[in-house]
Amino acid sequence: MSLGKLLVLVLGLAAVAFSVRLALTGTAGRDTEAHSRPRRQLDNVREKAKDLERQNQNAADDLARRVGEQ
């Protein structure tokens, strides 16, 4: 197979892949909203988990202080 035919084949496959991606996602570029939504949700979950850990630690510290005072 000559180099020219190989180049045409690769470019053709790239064009087909691009058109399929365009048809499936609806955008030619990156869909940043679709990628950032799960990331934002995960960040919110991590923030809530840290907040709960902080609250539990404060409650444990308060309990330890009360037990230590008695």
N, C-alpha and C. Protein backbone atom coordinates (compact mmCIF):
# COMPACT_ATOMS: atom_id res chain seq x y z
N MET A 1 0.86 -1.17 0.00
CA MET A 1 0.00 0.00 0.00
C MET A 1 0.90 1.23 0.00
N SER A 2 0.60 2.14 -0.87
CA SER A 2 1.45 3.32 -0.97
C SER A 2 1.16 4.30 0.16
N LEU A 3 2.07 5.20 0.35
CA LEU A 3 1.95 6.18 1.42
C LEU A 3 0.75 7.10 1.19
N GLY A 4 0.47 7.43 -0.03
CA GLY A 4 -0.66 8.30 -0.35
C GLY A 4 -1.99 7.65 0.01
N LYS A 5 -2.13 6.36 -0.31
CA LYS A 5 -3.37 5.65 0.01
C LYS A 5 -3.53 5.51 1.53
N LEU A 6 -2.44 5.27 2.21
CA LEU A 6 -2.47 5.16 3.67
C LEU A 6 -2.89 6.49 4.30
N LEU A 7 -2.36 7.59 3.77
CA LEU A 7 -2.71 8.91 4.28
C LEU A 7 -4.19 9.21 4.04
N VAL A 8 -4.69 8.86 2.89
CA VAL A 8 -6.12 9.06 2.59
C VAL A 8 -6.98 8.22 3.52
N LEU A 9 -6.57 6.99 3.79
CA LEU A 9 -7.30 6.12 4.69
C LEU A 9 -7.35 6.70 6.10
N VAL A 10 -6.23 7.16 6.61
CA VAL A 10 -6.17 7.73 7.97
C VAL A 10 -7.01 9.00 8.05
N LEU A 11 -6.91 9.87 7.06
CA LEU A 11 -7.71 11.09 7.07
C LEU A 11 -9.20 10.79 6.95
N GLY A 12 -9.55 9.79 6.17
CA GLY A 12 -10.95 9.39 6.06
C GLY A 12 -11.49 8.85 7.36
N LEU A 13 -10.70 8.02 8.03
CA LEU A 13 -11.13 7.50 9.33
C LEU A 13 -11.26 8.61 10.36
N ALA A 14 -10.37 9.58 10.31
CA ALA A 14 -10.46 10.71 11.23
C ALA A 14 -11.72 11.52 10.97
N ALA A 15 -12.06 11.72 9.70
CA ALA A 15 -13.27 12.46 9.36
C ALA A 15 -14.51 11.71 9.81
N VAL A 16 -14.53 10.41 9.63
CA VAL A 16 -15.68 9.60 10.08
C VAL A 16 -15.80 9.65 11.60
N ALA A 17 -14.69 9.53 12.30
CA ALA A 17 -14.71 9.59 13.77
C ALA A 17 -15.20 10.95 14.25
N PHE A 18 -14.75 12.01 13.59
CA PHE A 18 -15.19 13.35 13.98
C PHE A 18 -16.69 13.51 13.75
N SER A 19 -17.20 13.03 12.62
CA SER A 19 -18.63 13.20 12.35
C SER A 19 -19.48 12.35 13.29
N VAL A 20 -19.00 11.17 13.66
CA VAL A 20 -19.73 10.34 14.63
C VAL A 20 -19.75 11.02 15.99
N ARG A 21 -18.62 11.57 16.40
CA ARG A 21 -18.58 12.26 17.69
C ARG A 21 -19.49 13.47 17.69
N LEU A 22 -19.49 14.21 16.59
CA LEU A 22 -20.35 15.37 16.46
C LEU A 22 -21.82 14.96 16.52
N ALA A 23 -22.16 13.85 15.90
CA ALA A 23 -23.54 13.39 15.91
C ALA A 23 -23.97 12.90 17.29
N LEU A 24 -23.05 12.29 18.03
CA LEU A 24 -23.41 11.75 19.34
C LEU A 24 -23.43 12.80 20.44
N THR A 25 -22.48 13.71 20.42
CA THR A 25 -22.41 14.70 21.51
C THR A 25 -23.09 16.00 21.18
N GLY A 26 -23.21 16.33 19.91
CA GLY A 26 -23.86 17.58 19.53
C GLY A 26 -22.94 18.77 19.52
N THR A 27 -21.68 18.59 19.89
CA THR A 27 -20.72 19.69 19.87
C THR A 27 -19.43 19.24 19.21
N ALA A 28 -18.77 20.18 18.56
CA ALA A 28 -17.50 19.85 17.91
C ALA A 28 -16.36 19.86 18.91
N GLY A 29 -16.45 20.73 19.92
CA GLY A 29 -15.39 20.84 20.93
C GLY A 29 -15.71 20.00 22.14
N ARG A 30 -14.98 20.27 23.20
CA ARG A 30 -15.21 19.55 24.45
C ARG A 30 -16.48 20.06 25.10
N ASP A 31 -17.25 19.16 25.63
CA ASP A 31 -18.46 19.52 26.37
C ASP A 31 -18.07 19.67 27.83
N THR A 32 -17.60 20.85 28.20
CA THR A 32 -17.06 21.04 29.55
C THR A 32 -18.13 20.95 30.62
N GLU A 33 -19.35 21.29 30.30
CA GLU A 33 -20.43 21.21 31.29
C GLU A 33 -20.68 19.77 31.70
N ALA A 34 -20.65 18.87 30.75
CA ALA A 34 -20.88 17.46 31.07
C ALA A 34 -19.75 16.90 31.92
N HIS A 35 -18.53 17.39 31.72
CA HIS A 35 -17.40 16.90 32.51
C HIS A 35 -17.32 17.58 33.87
N SER A 36 -17.75 18.82 33.97
CA SER A 36 -17.60 19.54 35.23
C SER A 36 -18.74 19.25 36.20
N ARG A 37 -19.89 18.83 35.70
CA ARG A 37 -21.02 18.56 36.59
C ARG A 37 -20.71 17.44 37.58
N PRO A 38 -20.20 16.28 37.15
CA PRO A 38 -19.85 15.24 38.13
C PRO A 38 -18.71 15.67 39.05
N ARG A 39 -17.77 16.42 38.50
CA ARG A 39 -16.65 16.90 39.32
C ARG A 39 -17.16 17.84 40.41
N ARG A 40 -18.08 18.72 40.04
CA ARG A 40 -18.65 19.65 41.01
C ARG A 40 -19.45 18.90 42.07
N GLN A 41 -20.19 17.87 41.65
CA GLN A 41 -20.96 17.08 42.60
C GLN A 41 -20.02 16.35 43.57
N LEU A 42 -18.94 15.80 43.05
CA LEU A 42 -17.97 15.12 43.91
C LEU A 42 -17.32 16.09 44.89
N ASP A 43 -17.01 17.30 44.44
CA ASP A 43 -16.45 18.31 45.33
C ASP A 43 -17.44 18.66 46.45
N ASN A 44 -18.73 18.75 46.10
CA ASN A 44 -19.74 19.04 47.12
C ASN A 44 -19.83 17.91 48.14
N VAL A 45 -19.75 16.67 47.68
CA VAL A 45 -19.80 15.53 48.60
C VAL A 45 -18.58 15.54 49.51
N ARG A 46 -17.41 15.82 48.94
CA ARG A 46 -16.20 15.89 49.77
C ARG A 46 -16.29 16.99 50.80
N GLU A 47 -16.84 18.14 50.41
CA GLU A 47 -16.99 19.25 51.34
C GLU A 47 -17.95 18.89 52.48
N LYS A 48 -19.05 18.23 52.15
CA LYS A 48 -20.01 17.81 53.18
C LYS A 48 -19.38 16.79 54.11
N ALA A 49 -18.58 15.86 53.55
CA ALA A 49 -17.93 14.85 54.38
C ALA A 49 -16.94 15.49 55.34
N LYS A 50 -16.18 16.46 54.86
CA LYS A 50 -15.24 17.17 55.75
C LYS A 50 -15.99 17.92 56.83
N ASP A 51 -17.12 18.53 56.48
CA ASP A 51 -17.93 19.26 57.45
C ASP A 51 -18.47 18.31 58.52
N LEU A 52 -18.96 17.13 58.09
CA LEU A 52 -19.45 16.15 59.06
C LEU A 52 -18.32 15.65 59.97
N GLU A 53 -17.15 15.40 59.39
CA GLU A 53 -16.01 14.97 60.21
C GLU A 53 -15.65 16.04 61.23
N ARG A 54 -15.66 17.29 60.80
CA ARG A 54 -15.35 18.40 61.71
C ARG A 54 -16.37 18.48 62.84
N GLN A 55 -17.66 18.34 62.50
CA GLN A 55 -18.71 18.37 63.53
C GLN A 55 -18.57 17.21 64.50
N ASN A 56 -18.28 16.01 63.97
CA ASN A 56 -18.11 14.85 64.84
C ASN A 56 -16.90 15.01 65.75
N GLN A 57 -15.82 15.57 65.21
CA GLN A 57 -14.63 15.77 66.03
C GLN A 57 -14.89 16.79 67.13
N ASN A 58 -15.61 17.86 66.79
CA ASN A 58 -15.95 18.86 67.81
C ASN A 58 -16.84 18.25 68.89
N ALA A 59 -17.79 17.43 68.50
CA ALA A 59 -18.67 16.78 69.48
C ALA A 59 -17.86 15.83 70.36
N ALA A 60 -16.92 15.09 69.79
CA ALA A 60 -16.08 14.18 70.56
C ALA A 60 -15.18 14.97 71.51
N ASP A 61 -14.64 16.07 71.06
CA ASP A 61 -13.80 16.90 71.92
C ASP A 61 -14.60 17.48 73.09
N ASP A 62 -15.81 17.94 72.81
CA ASP A 62 -16.67 18.47 73.88
C ASP A 62 -17.00 17.39 74.90
N LEU A 63 -17.32 16.20 74.42
CA LEU A 63 -17.62 15.09 75.32
C LEU A 63 -16.41 14.72 76.16
N ALA A 64 -15.24 14.70 75.56
CA ALA A 64 -14.02 14.37 76.30
C ALA A 64 -13.73 15.44 77.36
N ARG A 65 -13.99 16.70 77.02
CA ARG A 65 -13.78 17.78 77.99
C ARG A 65 -14.73 17.64 79.19
N ARG A 66 -16.00 17.33 78.89
CA ARG A 66 -16.98 17.17 79.98
C ARG A 66 -16.63 16.00 80.87
N VAL A 67 -16.20 14.89 80.27
CA VAL A 67 -15.82 13.72 81.05
C VAL A 67 -14.57 14.03 81.87
N GLY A 68 -13.66 14.79 81.31
CA GLY A 68 -12.43 15.13 82.01
C GLY A 68 -12.66 16.08 83.17
N GLU A 69 -13.69 16.92 83.07
CA GLU A 69 -13.98 17.87 84.15
C GLU A 69 -14.63 17.19 85.35
N GLN A 70 -15.29 16.09 85.13
CA GLN A 70 -16.00 15.43 86.24
C GLN A 70 -15.12 14.59 87.06
